[in-house]
Amino acid sequence: MKAAATAIAVALSLPAIAMAVTDCSRAKTNFEKLLCSNARLEQADQRLAIAFREALNRGISPELLIDSQRAWMRDSRDICNDVQCMLDAYGARISDLDNQH
C-alpha cells in the first residue's frame, strides 16, 4: 500500500517533462511549431508520454527517467529541423524507454 501511495505521489509531482502537453497557441520553439503542425508528431508525443509512464510503473527511478528525458530533449529532439528527424528521435526514445527494466 505504501509503495502504491509513493508511486502516485511521484507521478503527480513529475514535471511537464513527462507529459505530452504542448500549448500550440503559444508555440515558439522550432520543436513546438513542428509538433503542432504535424499529426504524426503529436501521436509520437502521446506514445512517448505513455512509454514514460510505463517505465515509471515498471519501477525505473523517476530521477533517472527525468534526467535521461532532459538529455534526450536537448541532444536529440531539439536539434531536429524537420518532421522526419523528430519522428526518428521519438521512435528511438520510445524504444529506449520500452527496453528499460
C-alpha atoms as a PDB file:
ATOM      1  CA  MET A   1       0.000   0.000   0.000  1.00  0.00           C
ATOM      2  CA  LYS A   2       2.809   2.402   0.877  1.00  0.00           C
ATOM      3  CA  ALA A   3       4.560   1.667  -2.445  1.00  0.00           C
ATOM      4  CA  ALA A   4       1.391   2.499  -4.373  1.00  0.00           C
ATOM      5  CA  ALA A   5       0.965   5.771  -2.495  1.00  0.00           C
ATOM      6  CA  THR A   6       4.596   6.658  -3.172  1.00  0.00           C
ATOM      7  CA  ALA A   7       4.226   5.855  -6.879  1.00  0.00           C
ATOM      8  CA  ILE A   8       1.136   8.040  -7.115  1.00  0.00           C
ATOM      9  CA  ALA A   9       2.846  10.904  -5.309  1.00  0.00           C
ATOM     10  CA  VAL A  10       5.858  10.674  -7.618  1.00  0.00           C
ATOM     11  CA  ALA A  11       3.676  10.549 -10.730  1.00  0.00           C
ATOM     12  CA  LEU A  12       1.680  13.567  -9.625  1.00  0.00           C
ATOM     13  CA  SER A  13       4.813  15.546  -8.865  1.00  0.00           C
ATOM     14  CA  LEU A  14       6.544  14.859 -12.171  1.00  0.00           C
ATOM     15  CA  PRO A  15       7.165  17.955 -14.193  1.00  0.00           C
ATOM     16  CA  ALA A  16       5.671  18.525 -17.627  1.00  0.00           C
ATOM     17  CA  ILE A  17       8.776  16.818 -18.980  1.00  0.00           C
ATOM     18  CA  ALA A  18       6.956  13.520 -18.572  1.00  0.00           C
ATOM     19  CA  MET A  19       3.659  14.594 -20.015  1.00  0.00           C
ATOM     20  CA  ALA A  20       2.604  15.106 -23.596  1.00  0.00           C
ATOM     21  CA  VAL A  21       1.315  18.628 -23.192  1.00  0.00           C
ATOM     22  CA  THR A  22       2.149  21.377 -25.634  1.00  0.00           C
ATOM     23  CA  ASP A  23       0.091  24.552 -25.796  1.00  0.00           C
ATOM     24  CA  CYS A  24       0.077  25.129 -29.543  1.00  0.00           C
ATOM     25  CA  SER A  25      -1.353  28.618 -29.135  1.00  0.00           C
ATOM     26  CA  ARG A  26       1.972  29.548 -27.513  1.00  0.00           C
ATOM     27  CA  ALA A  27       4.314  27.563 -29.785  1.00  0.00           C
ATOM     28  CA  LYS A  28       7.608  29.446 -30.083  1.00  0.00           C
ATOM     29  CA  THR A  29      10.410  26.937 -30.483  1.00  0.00           C
ATOM     30  CA  ASN A  30      11.071  25.001 -33.660  1.00  0.00           C
ATOM     31  CA  PHE A  31      10.142  21.808 -31.823  1.00  0.00           C
ATOM     32  CA  GLU A  32       6.793  23.219 -30.692  1.00  0.00           C
ATOM     33  CA  LYS A  33       5.956  24.570 -34.147  1.00  0.00           C
ATOM     34  CA  LEU A  34       6.782  21.255 -35.831  1.00  0.00           C
ATOM     35  CA  LEU A  35       4.852  19.286 -33.223  1.00  0.00           C
ATOM     36  CA  CYS A  36       1.790  21.487 -33.517  1.00  0.00           C
ATOM     37  CA  SER A  37       1.778  21.349 -37.304  1.00  0.00           C
ATOM     38  CA  ASN A  38       2.042  17.583 -37.741  1.00  0.00           C
ATOM     39  CA  ALA A  39      -0.427  14.944 -36.566  1.00  0.00           C
ATOM     40  CA  ARG A  40       2.194  12.158 -36.711  1.00  0.00           C
ATOM     41  CA  LEU A  41       4.419  14.101 -34.330  1.00  0.00           C
ATOM     42  CA  GLU A  42       1.507  14.728 -31.984  1.00  0.00           C
ATOM     43  CA  GLN A  43       0.824  10.977 -31.945  1.00  0.00           C
ATOM     44  CA  ALA A  44       4.510  10.246 -31.322  1.00  0.00           C
ATOM     45  CA  ASP A  45       4.468  12.714 -28.427  1.00  0.00           C
ATOM     46  CA  GLN A  46       1.471  10.904 -26.930  1.00  0.00           C
ATOM     47  CA  ARG A  47       3.166   7.500 -27.366  1.00  0.00           C
ATOM     48  CA  LEU A  48       6.273   8.886 -25.678  1.00  0.00           C
ATOM     49  CA  ALA A  49       4.242  10.045 -22.686  1.00  0.00           C
ATOM     50  CA  ILE A  50       2.730   6.571 -22.379  1.00  0.00           C
ATOM     51  CA  ALA A  51       6.160   4.906 -22.641  1.00  0.00           C
ATOM     52  CA  PHE A  52       7.484   7.251 -19.939  1.00  0.00           C
ATOM     53  CA  ARG A  53       4.613   6.434 -17.574  1.00  0.00           C
ATOM     54  CA  GLU A  54       5.002   2.717 -18.266  1.00  0.00           C
ATOM     55  CA  ALA A  55       8.715   2.935 -17.423  1.00  0.00           C
ATOM     56  CA  LEU A  56       7.761   4.569 -14.120  1.00  0.00           C
ATOM     57  CA  ASN A  57       5.244   1.807 -13.470  1.00  0.00           C
ATOM     58  CA  ARG A  58       7.997  -0.787 -14.018  1.00  0.00           C
ATOM     59  CA  GLY A  59       9.915   0.830 -11.171  1.00  0.00           C
ATOM     60  CA  ILE A  60      12.523   2.806 -13.109  1.00  0.00           C
ATOM     61  CA  SER A  61      13.885   5.629 -10.958  1.00  0.00           C
ATOM     62  CA  PRO A  62      11.939   8.859 -11.599  1.00  0.00           C
ATOM     63  CA  GLU A  63      15.146  10.855 -11.248  1.00  0.00           C
ATOM     64  CA  LEU A  64      16.904   8.684 -13.841  1.00  0.00           C
ATOM     65  CA  LEU A  65      13.953   8.971 -16.228  1.00  0.00           C
ATOM     66  CA  ILE A  66      13.716  12.734 -15.868  1.00  0.00           C
ATOM     67  CA  ASP A  67      17.456  13.213 -16.346  1.00  0.00           C
ATOM     68  CA  SER A  68      17.523  10.992 -19.418  1.00  0.00           C
ATOM     69  CA  GLN A  69      14.408  12.699 -20.801  1.00  0.00           C
ATOM     70  CA  ARG A  70      16.013  16.119 -20.461  1.00  0.00           C
ATOM     71  CA  ALA A  71      19.167  14.854 -22.174  1.00  0.00           C
ATOM     72  CA  TRP A  72      17.096  13.336 -24.997  1.00  0.00           C
ATOM     73  CA  MET A  73      15.186  16.591 -25.473  1.00  0.00           C
ATOM     74  CA  ARG A  74      18.385  18.625 -25.592  1.00  0.00           C
ATOM     75  CA  ASP A  75      20.558  16.245 -27.598  1.00  0.00           C
ATOM     76  CA  SER A  76      18.087  14.548 -29.950  1.00  0.00           C
ATOM     77  CA  ARG A  77      14.672  16.143 -30.235  1.00  0.00           C
ATOM     78  CA  ASP A  78      15.575  19.821 -30.099  1.00  0.00           C
ATOM     79  CA  ILE A  79      18.318  19.604 -32.723  1.00  0.00           C
ATOM     80  CA  CYS A  80      15.838  18.450 -35.365  1.00  0.00           C
ATOM     81  CA  ASN A  81      14.763  20.834 -38.086  1.00  0.00           C
ATOM     82  CA  ASP A  82      12.254  18.628 -39.864  1.00  0.00           C
ATOM     83  CA  VAL A  83       9.460  16.181 -39.168  1.00  0.00           C
ATOM     84  CA  GLN A  84      11.347  13.012 -40.158  1.00  0.00           C
ATOM     85  CA  CYS A  85      14.243  13.810 -37.849  1.00  0.00           C
ATOM     86  CA  MET A  86      11.819  14.329 -34.974  1.00  0.00           C
ATOM     87  CA  LEU A  87       9.895  11.143 -35.767  1.00  0.00           C
ATOM     88  CA  ASP A  88      13.190   9.240 -35.725  1.00  0.00           C
ATOM     89  CA  ALA A  89      14.161  10.859 -32.409  1.00  0.00           C
ATOM     90  CA  TYR A  90      10.795   9.973 -30.875  1.00  0.00           C
ATOM     91  CA  GLY A  91      10.999   6.402 -32.163  1.00  0.00           C
ATOM     92  CA  ALA A  92      14.451   5.928 -30.658  1.00  0.00           C
ATOM     93  CA  ARG A  93      13.399   7.387 -27.300  1.00  0.00           C
ATOM     94  CA  ILE A  94      10.228   5.302 -27.121  1.00  0.00           C
ATOM     95  CA  SER A  95      12.274   2.180 -27.887  1.00  0.00           C
ATOM     96  CA  ASP A  96      14.796   3.154 -25.221  1.00  0.00           C
ATOM     97  CA  LEU A  97      12.055   3.631 -22.625  1.00  0.00           C
ATOM     98  CA  ASP A  98      10.334   0.387 -23.595  1.00  0.00           C
ATOM     99  CA  ASN A  99      13.592  -1.525 -23.093  1.00  0.00           C
ATOM    100  CA  GLN A 100      14.421  -0.154 -19.640  1.00  0.00           C
ATOM    101  CA  HIS A 101      13.831  -2.639 -16.827  1.00  0.00           C
END
